[in-house]
């Protein structure tokens, strides 16, 4: 079974997968290595390869803003009184009975 010509044209533009190419193709994650392995099983960080991020001088007055607002209040969980929180079996059964009724 083969795709139609229109569908095949769209498929060619997608990124390759490891199943579409021959052996030896490794897609990776694009992160790159920050150092190298030693023959004794250790790892040496090469600081020239480490990414550094420049923080603006007077960050408080910077015009760049984060994607999340700074004015957001903390959200409250649904299991406030439970010591185990959402992992409590009693809280799960209690809530299930409230929503679904007693079986």
C-alpha atoms as a PDB file:
ATOM      1  CA  UNK A   1       0.000   0.000   0.000  1.00  0.00           C
ATOM      2  CA  UNK A   2       1.440   3.368  -1.053  1.00  0.00           C
ATOM      3  CA  UNK A   3       0.335   6.891  -0.123  1.00  0.00           C
ATOM      4  CA  UNK A   4      -1.213   9.138  -2.757  1.00  0.00           C
ATOM      5  CA  UNK A   5       0.965  11.718  -4.493  1.00  0.00           C
ATOM      6  CA  UNK A   6      -0.468  14.601  -2.421  1.00  0.00           C
ATOM      7  CA  UNK A   7       0.032  12.758   0.842  1.00  0.00           C
ATOM      8  CA  UNK A   8       3.517  11.631  -0.153  1.00  0.00           C
ATOM      9  CA  UNK A   9       4.522  15.246  -0.811  1.00  0.00           C
ATOM     10  CA  UNK A  10       3.498  16.178   2.722  1.00  0.00           C
ATOM     11  CA  UNK A  11       5.275  13.182   4.217  1.00  0.00           C
ATOM     12  CA  UNK A  12       8.566  14.133   2.574  1.00  0.00           C
ATOM     13  CA  UNK A  13       8.619  17.458   4.435  1.00  0.00           C
ATOM     14  CA  UNK A  14       8.347  15.851   7.870  1.00  0.00           C
ATOM     15  CA  UNK A  15      11.413  15.059   9.958  1.00  0.00           C
ATOM     16  CA  UNK A  16      13.030  11.685   9.372  1.00  0.00           C
ATOM     17  CA  UNK A  17      12.518   8.862  11.821  1.00  0.00           C
ATOM     18  CA  UNK A  18      14.974   6.083  12.547  1.00  0.00           C
ATOM     19  CA  UNK A  19      12.707   3.627  10.707  1.00  0.00           C
ATOM     20  CA  UNK A  20      12.910   5.556   7.428  1.00  0.00           C
ATOM     21  CA  UNK A  21      16.712   5.466   7.039  1.00  0.00           C
ATOM     22  CA  UNK A  22      19.372   2.788   7.110  1.00  0.00           C
ATOM     23  CA  UNK A  23      21.294   1.582  10.141  1.00  0.00           C
ATOM     24  CA  UNK A  24      23.656   3.974  11.860  1.00  0.00           C
ATOM     25  CA  UNK A  25      21.280   6.948  11.847  1.00  0.00           C
ATOM     26  CA  UNK A  26      20.866   8.380  15.336  1.00  0.00           C
ATOM     27  CA  UNK A  27      18.430  11.233  15.663  1.00  0.00           C
ATOM     28  CA  UNK A  28      19.522  12.480  19.087  1.00  0.00           C
ATOM     29  CA  UNK A  29      17.991  15.357  20.994  1.00  0.00           C
ATOM     30  CA  UNK A  30      20.122  18.224  19.727  1.00  0.00           C
ATOM     31  CA  UNK A  31      21.558  18.973  23.142  1.00  0.00           C
ATOM     32  CA  UNK A  32      25.220  18.316  22.394  1.00  0.00           C
ATOM     33  CA  UNK A  33      27.925  17.095  24.719  1.00  0.00           C
ATOM     34  CA  UNK A  34      29.258  19.291  27.512  1.00  0.00           C
ATOM     35  CA  UNK A  35      32.438  17.276  27.917  1.00  0.00           C
ATOM     36  CA  UNK A  36      33.998  13.886  27.299  1.00  0.00           C
ATOM     37  CA  UNK A  37      34.255  10.474  28.905  1.00  0.00           C
ATOM     38  CA  UNK A  38      37.533   9.240  30.367  1.00  0.00           C
ATOM     39  CA  UNK A  39      38.912   5.748  29.918  1.00  0.00           C
ATOM     40  CA  UNK A  40      38.268   5.091  33.637  1.00  0.00           C
ATOM     41  CA  UNK A  41      34.518   5.728  33.414  1.00  0.00           C
ATOM     42  CA  UNK A  42      34.542   9.343  34.573  1.00  0.00           C
ATOM     43  CA  UNK A  43      33.347  12.448  32.780  1.00  0.00           C
ATOM     44  CA  UNK A  44      35.309  15.664  32.283  1.00  0.00           C
ATOM     45  CA  UNK A  45      33.330  18.858  31.715  1.00  0.00           C
ATOM     46  CA  UNK A  46      34.812  21.082  29.041  1.00  0.00           C
ATOM     47  CA  UNK A  47      33.802  24.549  30.179  1.00  0.00           C
ATOM     48  CA  UNK A  48      34.138  26.060  26.706  1.00  0.00           C
ATOM     49  CA  UNK A  49      31.209  23.845  25.642  1.00  0.00           C
ATOM     50  CA  UNK A  50      28.940  24.712  28.583  1.00  0.00           C
ATOM     51  CA  UNK A  51      26.105  27.073  27.704  1.00  0.00           C
ATOM     52  CA  UNK A  52      26.081  30.357  29.556  1.00  0.00           C
ATOM     53  CA  UNK A  53      23.145  32.733  29.711  1.00  0.00           C
ATOM     54  CA  UNK A  54      23.689  36.463  30.040  1.00  0.00           C
ATOM     55  CA  UNK A  55      21.429  38.036  32.666  1.00  0.00           C
ATOM     56  CA  UNK A  56      20.724  41.740  32.116  1.00  0.00           C
ATOM     57  CA  UNK A  57      22.354  44.151  34.623  1.00  0.00           C
ATOM     58  CA  UNK A  58      19.478  45.651  36.681  1.00  0.00           C
ATOM     59  CA  UNK A  59      17.092  42.777  36.084  1.00  0.00           C
ATOM     60  CA  UNK A  60      14.395  44.502  38.127  1.00  0.00           C
ATOM     61  CA  UNK A  61      14.084  47.291  35.570  1.00  0.00           C
ATOM     62  CA  UNK A  62      14.425  45.102  32.470  1.00  0.00           C
ATOM     63  CA  UNK A  63      11.646  45.485  29.881  1.00  0.00           C
ATOM     64  CA  UNK A  64      11.678  41.765  29.046  1.00  0.00           C
ATOM     65  CA  UNK A  65       8.926  39.936  30.894  1.00  0.00           C
ATOM     66  CA  UNK A  66       8.416  36.254  31.699  1.00  0.00           C
ATOM     67  CA  UNK A  67       5.619  34.248  30.107  1.00  0.00           C
ATOM     68  CA  UNK A  68       4.012  33.732  33.526  1.00  0.00           C
ATOM     69  CA  UNK A  69       2.655  36.646  35.505  1.00  0.00           C
ATOM     70  CA  UNK A  70       4.322  37.568  38.786  1.00  0.00           C
ATOM     71  CA  UNK A  71       0.956  38.478  40.339  1.00  0.00           C
ATOM     72  CA  UNK A  72      -0.473  34.946  40.406  1.00  0.00           C
ATOM     73  CA  UNK A  73      -1.647  33.691  43.775  1.00  0.00           C
ATOM     74  CA  UNK A  74      -0.756  30.138  44.807  1.00  0.00           C
ATOM     75  CA  UNK A  75      -3.403  27.622  43.798  1.00  0.00           C
ATOM     76  CA  UNK A  76      -4.898  25.433  46.502  1.00  0.00           C
ATOM     77  CA  UNK A  77      -4.986  21.668  46.139  1.00  0.00           C
ATOM     78  CA  UNK A  78      -8.139  19.609  46.306  1.00  0.00           C
ATOM     79  CA  UNK A  79      -6.935  17.517  49.250  1.00  0.00           C
ATOM     80  CA  UNK A  80      -6.228  20.229  51.822  1.00  0.00           C
ATOM     81  CA  UNK A  81      -7.067  18.284  54.999  1.00  0.00           C
ATOM     82  CA  UNK A  82      -5.538  14.946  54.015  1.00  0.00           C
ATOM     83  CA  UNK A  83      -2.031  14.200  55.322  1.00  0.00           C
ATOM     84  CA  UNK A  84      -1.226  11.986  52.300  1.00  0.00           C
ATOM     85  CA  UNK A  85      -2.869  14.366  49.834  1.00  0.00           C
ATOM     86  CA  UNK A  86      -4.000  12.809  46.568  1.00  0.00           C
ATOM     87  CA  UNK A  87      -2.327   9.499  47.460  1.00  0.00           C
ATOM     88  CA  UNK A  88      -4.809   8.809  50.244  1.00  0.00           C
ATOM     89  CA  UNK A  89      -7.143   5.931  49.422  1.00  0.00           C
ATOM     90  CA  UNK A  90      -9.786   7.215  51.831  1.00  0.00           C
ATOM     91  CA  UNK A  91      -9.884  10.605  50.115  1.00  0.00           C
ATOM     92  CA  UNK A  92     -10.230   8.914  46.725  1.00  0.00           C
ATOM     93  CA  UNK A  93     -13.119   6.735  47.851  1.00  0.00           C
ATOM     94  CA  UNK A  94     -14.843   9.661  49.577  1.00  0.00           C
ATOM     95  CA  UNK A  95     -14.630  11.794  46.456  1.00  0.00           C
ATOM     96  CA  UNK A  96     -15.721   8.925  44.212  1.00  0.00           C
ATOM     97  CA  UNK A  97     -18.825   8.397  46.342  1.00  0.00           C
ATOM     98  CA  UNK A  98     -19.607  12.143  46.255  1.00  0.00           C
ATOM     99  CA  UNK A  99     -19.397  12.273  42.475  1.00  0.00           C
ATOM    100  CA  UNK A 100     -20.851   8.889  41.534  1.00  0.00           C
ATOM    101  CA  UNK A 101     -23.135   7.988  44.417  1.00  0.00           C
ATOM    102  CA  UNK A 102     -23.000   4.857  46.538  1.00  0.00           C
ATOM    103  CA  UNK A 103     -22.921   1.661  44.493  1.00  0.00           C
END
